[in-house]
């Protein structure tokens, strides 16, 4: 098992940290809630921000970037709630 992990690390692949996994789940759940709220109330901006919250963790690989973008999208949800 250790040899396999070392081989993956030599290829440049690393496993996500627990903080990254927690943030990914947290922002995805917020995204699902925003999408459902936007669909129920016919709010396109809220719906698209919800989709963005669900999908952006798949293109960001650093934990600090995950939280910065996630908090920014959540602030956008708060601002565009009207």
C-alpha atoms as a PDB file:
ATOM      1  CA  UNK A   1       0.000   0.000   0.000  1.00  0.00           C
ATOM      2  CA  UNK A   2       2.794   2.423   0.868  1.00  0.00           C
ATOM      3  CA  UNK A   3       4.577   1.661  -2.411  1.00  0.00           C
ATOM      4  CA  UNK A   4       1.412   2.541  -4.333  1.00  0.00           C
ATOM      5  CA  UNK A   5       1.050   5.853  -2.495  1.00  0.00           C
ATOM      6  CA  UNK A   6       4.702   6.697  -3.154  1.00  0.00           C
ATOM      7  CA  UNK A   7       4.238   5.882  -6.837  1.00  0.00           C
ATOM      8  CA  UNK A   8       1.183   8.159  -7.053  1.00  0.00           C
ATOM      9  CA  UNK A   9       3.056  10.962  -5.286  1.00  0.00           C
ATOM     10  CA  UNK A  10       5.965  10.596  -7.704  1.00  0.00           C
ATOM     11  CA  UNK A  11       3.464  11.094 -10.544  1.00  0.00           C
ATOM     12  CA  UNK A  12       2.246  14.308  -8.896  1.00  0.00           C
ATOM     13  CA  UNK A  13      -1.028  12.913  -7.533  1.00  0.00           C
ATOM     14  CA  UNK A  14      -1.918  13.414  -3.885  1.00  0.00           C
ATOM     15  CA  UNK A  15      -4.926  12.518  -1.788  1.00  0.00           C
ATOM     16  CA  UNK A  16      -7.160  15.378  -0.597  1.00  0.00           C
ATOM     17  CA  UNK A  17      -6.889  16.518   2.998  1.00  0.00           C
ATOM     18  CA  UNK A  18      -9.792  16.087   5.432  1.00  0.00           C
ATOM     19  CA  UNK A  19     -10.287  19.879   5.408  1.00  0.00           C
ATOM     20  CA  UNK A  20     -10.654  19.792   1.615  1.00  0.00           C
ATOM     21  CA  UNK A  21     -13.177  16.943   1.771  1.00  0.00           C
ATOM     22  CA  UNK A  22     -15.180  18.747   4.470  1.00  0.00           C
ATOM     23  CA  UNK A  23     -15.245  21.967   2.418  1.00  0.00           C
ATOM     24  CA  UNK A  24     -16.227  20.094  -0.724  1.00  0.00           C
ATOM     25  CA  UNK A  25     -19.176  18.460   1.036  1.00  0.00           C
ATOM     26  CA  UNK A  26     -20.199  21.665   2.839  1.00  0.00           C
ATOM     27  CA  UNK A  27     -20.245  23.875  -0.262  1.00  0.00           C
ATOM     28  CA  UNK A  28     -21.909  21.181  -2.363  1.00  0.00           C
ATOM     29  CA  UNK A  29     -24.754  20.862   0.157  1.00  0.00           C
ATOM     30  CA  UNK A  30     -25.163  24.647   0.193  1.00  0.00           C
ATOM     31  CA  UNK A  31     -25.180  24.530  -3.623  1.00  0.00           C
ATOM     32  CA  UNK A  32     -27.912  21.889  -3.685  1.00  0.00           C
ATOM     33  CA  UNK A  33     -30.037  23.954  -1.296  1.00  0.00           C
ATOM     34  CA  UNK A  34     -29.502  27.121  -3.368  1.00  0.00           C
ATOM     35  CA  UNK A  35     -30.341  25.314  -6.606  1.00  0.00           C
ATOM     36  CA  UNK A  36     -33.566  23.902  -5.172  1.00  0.00           C
ATOM     37  CA  UNK A  37     -34.529  27.291  -3.712  1.00  0.00           C
ATOM     38  CA  UNK A  38     -33.820  29.020  -7.026  1.00  0.00           C
ATOM     39  CA  UNK A  39     -35.809  26.438  -8.981  1.00  0.00           C
ATOM     40  CA  UNK A  40     -38.764  26.657  -6.575  1.00  0.00           C
ATOM     41  CA  UNK A  41     -38.887  30.461  -6.680  1.00  0.00           C
ATOM     42  CA  UNK A  42     -37.898  30.878 -10.366  1.00  0.00           C
ATOM     43  CA  UNK A  43     -34.663  32.736  -9.576  1.00  0.00           C
ATOM     44  CA  UNK A  44     -32.100  32.089 -12.275  1.00  0.00           C
ATOM     45  CA  UNK A  45     -29.196  33.762 -10.494  1.00  0.00           C
ATOM     46  CA  UNK A  46     -29.686  31.685  -7.358  1.00  0.00           C
ATOM     47  CA  UNK A  47     -30.016  28.536  -9.431  1.00  0.00           C
ATOM     48  CA  UNK A  48     -26.777  29.202 -11.347  1.00  0.00           C
ATOM     49  CA  UNK A  49     -24.880  30.087  -8.179  1.00  0.00           C
ATOM     50  CA  UNK A  50     -26.091  26.802  -6.702  1.00  0.00           C
ATOM     51  CA  UNK A  51     -24.776  24.915  -9.733  1.00  0.00           C
ATOM     52  CA  UNK A  52     -21.464  26.743  -9.437  1.00  0.00           C
ATOM     53  CA  UNK A  53     -21.199  25.809  -5.746  1.00  0.00           C
ATOM     54  CA  UNK A  54     -21.823  22.160  -6.574  1.00  0.00           C
ATOM     55  CA  UNK A  55     -19.309  21.940  -9.421  1.00  0.00           C
ATOM     56  CA  UNK A  56     -16.372  24.247  -8.669  1.00  0.00           C
ATOM     57  CA  UNK A  57     -14.606  21.846  -6.246  1.00  0.00           C
ATOM     58  CA  UNK A  58     -13.867  19.591  -9.219  1.00  0.00           C
ATOM     59  CA  UNK A  59     -11.597  22.221 -10.825  1.00  0.00           C
ATOM     60  CA  UNK A  60      -9.879  23.629  -7.702  1.00  0.00           C
ATOM     61  CA  UNK A  61      -7.237  21.490  -6.033  1.00  0.00           C
ATOM     62  CA  UNK A  62      -5.865  23.666  -3.219  1.00  0.00           C
ATOM     63  CA  UNK A  63      -7.709  23.753   0.107  1.00  0.00           C
ATOM     64  CA  UNK A  64      -7.306  27.484   0.652  1.00  0.00           C
ATOM     65  CA  UNK A  65      -8.637  28.211  -2.861  1.00  0.00           C
ATOM     66  CA  UNK A  66     -11.625  25.943  -2.217  1.00  0.00           C
ATOM     67  CA  UNK A  67     -12.600  27.956   0.849  1.00  0.00           C
ATOM     68  CA  UNK A  68     -11.955  31.375  -0.730  1.00  0.00           C
ATOM     69  CA  UNK A  69     -14.068  30.634  -3.805  1.00  0.00           C
ATOM     70  CA  UNK A  70     -16.752  28.881  -1.744  1.00  0.00           C
ATOM     71  CA  UNK A  71     -17.088  31.782   0.658  1.00  0.00           C
ATOM     72  CA  UNK A  72     -17.173  34.188  -2.290  1.00  0.00           C
ATOM     73  CA  UNK A  73     -19.987  32.247  -3.947  1.00  0.00           C
ATOM     74  CA  UNK A  74     -21.895  32.074  -0.648  1.00  0.00           C
ATOM     75  CA  UNK A  75     -21.531  35.847  -0.234  1.00  0.00           C
ATOM     76  CA  UNK A  76     -22.839  36.219  -3.786  1.00  0.00           C
ATOM     77  CA  UNK A  77     -25.851  34.101  -2.832  1.00  0.00           C
ATOM     78  CA  UNK A  78     -26.472  36.377   0.138  1.00  0.00           C
ATOM     79  CA  UNK A  79     -26.179  39.536  -1.974  1.00  0.00           C
ATOM     80  CA  UNK A  80     -28.384  38.226  -4.827  1.00  0.00           C
ATOM     81  CA  UNK A  81     -31.086  36.791  -2.558  1.00  0.00           C
ATOM     82  CA  UNK A  82     -33.590  39.498  -3.530  1.00  0.00           C
END
